[in-house]
C-alpha atoms as a PDB file:
ATOM      1  CA  MET A   1      -2.081  26.148 -91.107  1.00  0.00           C
ATOM      2  CA  VAL A   2       0.752  24.047 -89.764  1.00  0.00           C
ATOM      3  CA  SER A   3       2.372  23.866 -93.148  1.00  0.00           C
ATOM      4  CA  LYS A   4       2.176  27.662 -93.432  1.00  0.00           C
ATOM      5  CA  LEU A   5       3.927  27.938 -90.044  1.00  0.00           C
ATOM      6  CA  ASP A   6       6.562  25.439 -91.167  1.00  0.00           C
ATOM      7  CA  GLU A   7       7.037  27.404 -94.367  1.00  0.00           C
ATOM      8  CA  ILE A   8       7.386  30.692 -92.450  1.00  0.00           C
ATOM      9  CA  SER A   9       9.738  29.050 -89.951  1.00  0.00           C
ATOM     10  CA  SER A  10      11.793  27.649 -92.797  1.00  0.00           C
ATOM     11  CA  SER A  11      11.889  31.083 -94.456  1.00  0.00           C
ATOM     12  CA  ILE A  12      12.989  32.696 -91.198  1.00  0.00           C
ATOM     13  CA  SER A  13      15.722  30.078 -90.792  1.00  0.00           C
ATOM     14  CA  GLU A  14      16.886  30.722 -94.371  1.00  0.00           C
ATOM     15  CA  VAL A  15      16.957  34.498 -93.764  1.00  0.00           C
ATOM     16  CA  LYS A  16      18.944  33.956 -90.539  1.00  0.00           C
ATOM     17  CA  ARG A  17      21.402  31.700 -92.389  1.00  0.00           C
ATOM     18  CA  GLN A  18      21.823  34.259 -95.173  1.00  0.00           C
ATOM     19  CA  ASN A  19      22.206  37.031 -92.601  1.00  0.00           C
ATOM     20  CA  LYS A  20      24.890  34.999 -90.826  1.00  0.00           C
ATOM     21  CA  ASN A  21      26.693  34.453 -94.145  1.00  0.00           C
ATOM     22  CA  LEU A  22      26.429  38.169 -94.888  1.00  0.00           C
ATOM     23  CA  GLU A  23      27.841  39.064 -91.472  1.00  0.00           C
ATOM     24  CA  HIS A  24      30.685  36.593 -92.015  1.00  0.00           C
ATOM     25  CA  GLY A  25      31.364  38.133 -95.450  1.00  0.00           C
ATOM     26  CA  GLN A  26      31.341  41.611 -93.921  1.00  0.00           C
ATOM     27  CA  GLU A  27      33.816  40.453 -91.252  1.00  0.00           C
ATOM     28  CA  ILE A  28      36.107  39.106 -93.951  1.00  0.00           C
ATOM     29  CA  HIS A  29      35.757  42.361 -95.902  1.00  0.00           C
ATOM     30  CA  ILE A  30      36.467  44.431 -92.774  1.00  0.00           C
ATOM     31  CA  ASN A  31      39.485  42.273 -91.914  1.00  0.00           C
ATOM     32  CA  LEU A  32      40.827  42.550 -95.469  1.00  0.00           C
ATOM     33  CA  SER A  33      40.307  46.317 -95.422  1.00  0.00           C
ATOM     34  CA  LYS A  34      42.154  46.613 -92.105  1.00  0.00           C
ATOM     35  CA  ASN A  35      44.951  44.397 -93.427  1.00  0.00           C
ATOM     36  CA  ILE A  36      45.287  46.555 -96.555  1.00  0.00           C
ATOM     37  CA  GLU A  37      45.233  49.724 -94.423  1.00  0.00           C
ATOM     38  CA  ASN A  38      47.973  48.346 -92.160  1.00  0.00           C
ATOM     39  CA  LYS A  39      50.146  47.331 -95.099  1.00  0.00           C
ATOM     40  CA  THR A  40      49.604  50.721 -96.747  1.00  0.00           C
ATOM     41  CA  ASP A  41      50.625  52.457 -93.504  1.00  0.00           C
ATOM     42  CA  ILE A  42      53.741  50.288 -93.260  1.00  0.00           C
ATOM     43  CA  LEU A  43      54.700  51.013 -96.885  1.00  0.00           C
ATOM     44  CA  THR A  44      54.073  54.738 -96.416  1.00  0.00           C
ATOM     45  CA  GLN A  45      56.234  54.791 -93.285  1.00  0.00           C
ATOM     46  CA  GLU A  46      58.979  52.844 -95.072  1.00  0.00           C
ATOM     47  CA  GLN A  47      58.874  55.256 -97.997  1.00  0.00           C
ATOM     48  CA  LEU A  48      59.109  58.240 -95.632  1.00  0.00           C
ATOM     49  CA  ARG A  49      62.072  56.627 -93.833  1.00  0.00           C
ATOM     50  CA  SER A  50      63.760  56.005 -97.172  1.00  0.00           C
ATOM     51  CA  GLN A  51      63.169  59.590 -98.321  1.00  0.00           C
ATOM     52  CA  ASN A  52      64.453  60.951 -95.011  1.00  0.00           C
ATOM     53  CA  LYS A  53      67.560  58.771 -95.276  1.00  0.00           C
ATOM     54  CA  TYR A  54      68.183  60.011 -98.842  1.00  0.00           C
ATOM     55  CA  LEU A  55      67.673  63.661 -97.822  1.00  0.00           C
ATOM     56  CA  THR A  56      69.917  63.203 -94.780  1.00  0.00           C
ATOM     57  CA  THR A  57      72.648  61.683 -96.954  1.00  0.00           C
ATOM     58  CA  ILE A  58      72.400  64.539 -99.472  1.00  0.00           C
ATOM     59  CA  SER A  59      72.442  67.047 -96.609  1.00  0.00           C
ATOM     60  CA  GLU A  60      75.538  65.408 -95.086  1.00  0.00           C
ATOM     61  CA  ILE A  61      77.315  65.428 -98.445  1.00  0.00           C
ATOM     62  CA  ARG A  62      76.442  69.100 -98.974  1.00  0.00           C
ATOM     63  CA  LYS A  63      77.644  69.938 -95.471  1.00  0.00           C
ATOM     64  CA  GLY A  64      80.830  67.960 -96.064  1.00  0.00           C
ATOM     65  CA  ILE A  65      81.471  69.870 -99.267  1.00  0.00           C
ATOM     66  CA  SER A  66      80.724  73.180 -97.547  1.00  0.00           C
ATOM     67  CA  ASP A  67      83.073  72.232 -94.731  1.00  0.00           C
ATOM     68  CA  LEU A  68      85.884  71.915 -97.226  1.00  0.00           C
ATOM     69  CA  GLY A  69      86.152  75.641 -96.711  1.00  0.00           C
ATOM     70  CA  GLU A  70      87.695  78.404 -98.709  1.00  0.00           C
ATOM     71  CA  ASP A  71      90.689  76.841-100.357  1.00  0.00           C
ATOM     72  CA  LYS A  72      92.659  79.690-101.899  1.00  0.00           C
ATOM     73  CA  THR A  73      95.295  77.374-103.372  1.00  0.00           C
ATOM     74  CA  LEU A  74      94.933  77.097-107.134  1.00  0.00           C
ATOM     75  CA  ILE A  75      95.609  73.558-108.180  1.00  0.00           C
ATOM     76  CA  ARG A  76      95.070  72.009-111.577  1.00  0.00           C
ATOM     77  CA  LEU A  77      93.588  68.632-110.908  1.00  0.00           C
ATOM     78  CA  SER A  78      93.248  67.428-114.440  1.00  0.00           C
ATOM     79  CA  SER A  79      94.265  63.956-113.355  1.00  0.00           C
ATOM     80  CA  SER A  80      91.298  63.730-111.022  1.00  0.00           C
ATOM     81  CA  ILE A  81      88.723  64.368-113.757  1.00  0.00           C
ATOM     82  CA  PRO A  82      87.568  61.101-115.324  1.00  0.00           C
ATOM     83  CA  ASN A  83      88.880  60.485-118.827  1.00  0.00           C
ATOM     84  CA  GLU A  84      86.589  61.312-121.702  1.00  0.00           C
ATOM     85  CA  SER A  85      85.787  57.755-122.721  1.00  0.00           C
ATOM     86  CA  ILE A  86      82.421  58.507-124.317  1.00  0.00           C
ATOM     87  CA  LYS A  87      82.949  58.943-128.060  1.00  0.00           C
ATOM     88  CA  HIS A  88      79.388  59.773-129.048  1.00  0.00           C
ATOM     89  CA  PHE A  89      78.354  62.222-126.353  1.00  0.00           C
ATOM     90  CA  ILE A  90      75.208  64.185-127.129  1.00  0.00           C
ATOM     91  CA  GLN A  91      75.900  67.714-125.943  1.00  0.00           C
ATOM     92  CA  LYS A  92      73.126  68.844-123.655  1.00  0.00           C
ATOM     93  CA  GLU A  93      73.410  72.610-123.893  1.00  0.00           C
ATOM     94  CA  THR A  94      70.497  73.219-121.547  1.00  0.00           C
ATOM     95  CA  LEU A  95      72.155  71.185-118.804  1.00  0.00           C
ATOM     96  CA  PHE A  96      75.469  72.992-119.357  1.00  0.00           C
ATOM     97  CA  LYS A  97      73.588  76.310-119.153  1.00  0.00           C
ATOM     98  CA  ASP A  98      71.832  75.169-115.969  1.00  0.00           C
ATOM     99  CA  ILE A  99      75.180  74.334-114.373  1.00  0.00           C
ATOM    100  CA  GLU A 100      76.658  77.661-115.516  1.00  0.00           C
ATOM    101  CA  GLU A 101      73.641  79.504-114.090  1.00  0.00           C
ATOM    102  CA  ILE A 102      74.117  77.815-110.720  1.00  0.00           C
ATOM    103  CA  PHE A 103      77.780  78.836-110.696  1.00  0.00           C
ATOM    104  CA  SER A 104      76.919  82.391-111.782  1.00  0.00           C
ATOM    105  CA  LYS A 105      74.843  82.845-108.641  1.00  0.00           C
ATOM    106  CA  SER A 106      78.071  82.674-106.606  1.00  0.00           C
ATOM    107  CA  ASN A 107      77.654  79.002-105.837  1.00  0.00           C
ATOM    108  CA  LYS A 108      80.952  77.208-105.539  1.00  0.00           C
ATOM    109  CA  TYR A 109      79.559  73.705-105.793  1.00  0.00           C
ATOM    110  CA  VAL A 110      77.084  71.900-107.987  1.00  0.00           C
ATOM    111  CA  ILE A 111      75.633  68.546-107.037  1.00  0.00           C
ATOM    112  CA  ILE A 112      74.385  66.477-109.957  1.00  0.00           C
ATOM    113  CA  SER A 113      72.032  63.683-108.970  1.00  0.00           C
ATOM    114  CA  GLY A 114      69.929  61.241-110.934  1.00  0.00           C
ATOM    115  CA  TYR A 115      69.237  57.625-111.693  1.00  0.00           C
ATOM    116  CA  ALA A 116      72.060  55.183-112.331  1.00  0.00           C
ATOM    117  CA  GLY A 117      73.157  55.337-115.940  1.00  0.00           C
ATOM    118  CA  SER A 118      71.503  58.703-116.607  1.00  0.00           C
ATOM    119  CA  GLY A 119      74.830  60.339-117.547  1.00  0.00           C
ATOM    120  CA  LYS A 120      75.694  62.274-114.377  1.00  0.00           C
ATOM    121  CA  THR A 121      79.411  61.438-114.454  1.00  0.00           C
ATOM    122  CA  THR A 122      79.673  61.987-118.199  1.00  0.00           C
ATOM    123  CA  LEU A 123      77.923  65.362-117.950  1.00  0.00           C
ATOM    124  CA  ALA A 124      80.147  66.487-115.073  1.00  0.00           C
ATOM    125  CA  SER A 125      83.287  65.230-116.805  1.00  0.00           C
ATOM    126  CA  LYS A 126      82.462  66.960-120.105  1.00  0.00           C
ATOM    127  CA  TYR A 127      81.587  70.195-118.333  1.00  0.00           C
ATOM    128  CA  SER A 128      84.767  70.031-116.238  1.00  0.00           C
ATOM    129  CA  HIS A 129      86.995  69.417-119.251  1.00  0.00           C
ATOM    130  CA  GLU A 130      85.357  72.288-121.129  1.00  0.00           C
ATOM    131  CA  GLN A 131      85.774  74.709-118.244  1.00  0.00           C
ATOM    132  CA  ARG A 132      89.352  73.687-117.608  1.00  0.00           C
ATOM    133  CA  ASP A 133      90.472  73.637-121.235  1.00  0.00           C
ATOM    134  CA  GLU A 134      88.457  76.439-122.839  1.00  0.00           C
ATOM    135  CA  ASN A 135      87.964  78.827-119.938  1.00  0.00           C
ATOM    136  CA  ASN A 136      91.159  78.095-117.972  1.00  0.00           C
ATOM    137  CA  LYS A 137      89.215  77.466-114.769  1.00  0.00           C
ATOM    138  CA  THR A 138      90.372  75.391-111.846  1.00  0.00           C
ATOM    139  CA  VAL A 139      88.427  72.167-111.598  1.00  0.00           C
ATOM    140  CA  ARG A 140      88.218  69.939-108.553  1.00  0.00           C
ATOM    141  CA  TRP A 141      86.558  66.568-108.890  1.00  0.00           C
ATOM    142  CA  PHE A 142      85.077  64.760-105.889  1.00  0.00           C
ATOM    143  CA  ASN A 143      83.396  61.378-105.859  1.00  0.00           C
ATOM    144  CA  ALA A 144      80.218  62.117-103.900  1.00  0.00           C
ATOM    145  CA  GLU A 145      78.815  58.595-103.685  1.00  0.00           C
ATOM    146  CA  SER A 146      79.325  58.836 -99.944  1.00  0.00           C
ATOM    147  CA  LYS A 147      80.614  61.223 -97.315  1.00  0.00           C
ATOM    148  CA  ASP A 148      83.747  59.088 -96.875  1.00  0.00           C
ATOM    149  CA  LEU A 149      84.591  59.219-100.581  1.00  0.00           C
ATOM    150  CA  VAL A 150      84.230  63.021-100.594  1.00  0.00           C
ATOM    151  CA  TRP A 151      86.628  63.283 -97.666  1.00  0.00           C
ATOM    152  CA  ASN A 152      89.085  60.825 -99.246  1.00  0.00           C
ATOM    153  CA  ASP A 153      89.162  62.856-102.463  1.00  0.00           C
ATOM    154  CA  TYR A 154      89.610  66.053-100.466  1.00  0.00           C
ATOM    155  CA  LYS A 155      92.509  64.553 -98.483  1.00  0.00           C
ATOM    156  CA  ASN A 156      94.136  63.330-101.705  1.00  0.00           C
ATOM    157  CA  MET A 157      93.773  66.799-103.211  1.00  0.00           C
ATOM    158  CA  GLN A 158      95.411  68.368-100.150  1.00  0.00           C
ATOM    159  CA  GLN A 159      98.279  65.881-100.277  1.00  0.00           C
ATOM    160  CA  LYS A 160      98.866  66.703-103.963  1.00  0.00           C
ATOM    161  CA  SER A 161      98.904  70.415-103.166  1.00  0.00           C
ATOM    162  CA  LEU A 162     101.604  69.893-100.519  1.00  0.00           C
ATOM    163  CA  LYS A 163     103.949  68.159-102.957  1.00  0.00           C
END
């Protein structure tokens, strides 16, 4: 009988030990889950801040361009359009049509955005040259990397018009 009690006592001790190990494992799991949740929250907040900063910058650039106002002076700024240095440009008719459609809806400005190296400057340059040369339209080129660069280009354009 004593050996049965010892066996039961030993079994109970083993179950308690396993239960303790399980509880410890659950604590580790809970702590890891909380850690992952916290890091996910931090990354989500950082992404939202980054998106808000990007949208604010775009909004400021758009406002800066809008603030340029109605300039009635017709100036040919061919020197401000980047040179056509791309020899093997693949004409993207759909993009040209998209730009033309934006302008046809009485928009005065088009903002082209995209990843670095995706051809934004080349597209804008080709479109500008085509409009200036083939359709005799006035073209104004602004570097919109930042609000300051837009304003610098605008000031330079105004100085050229006064000469």
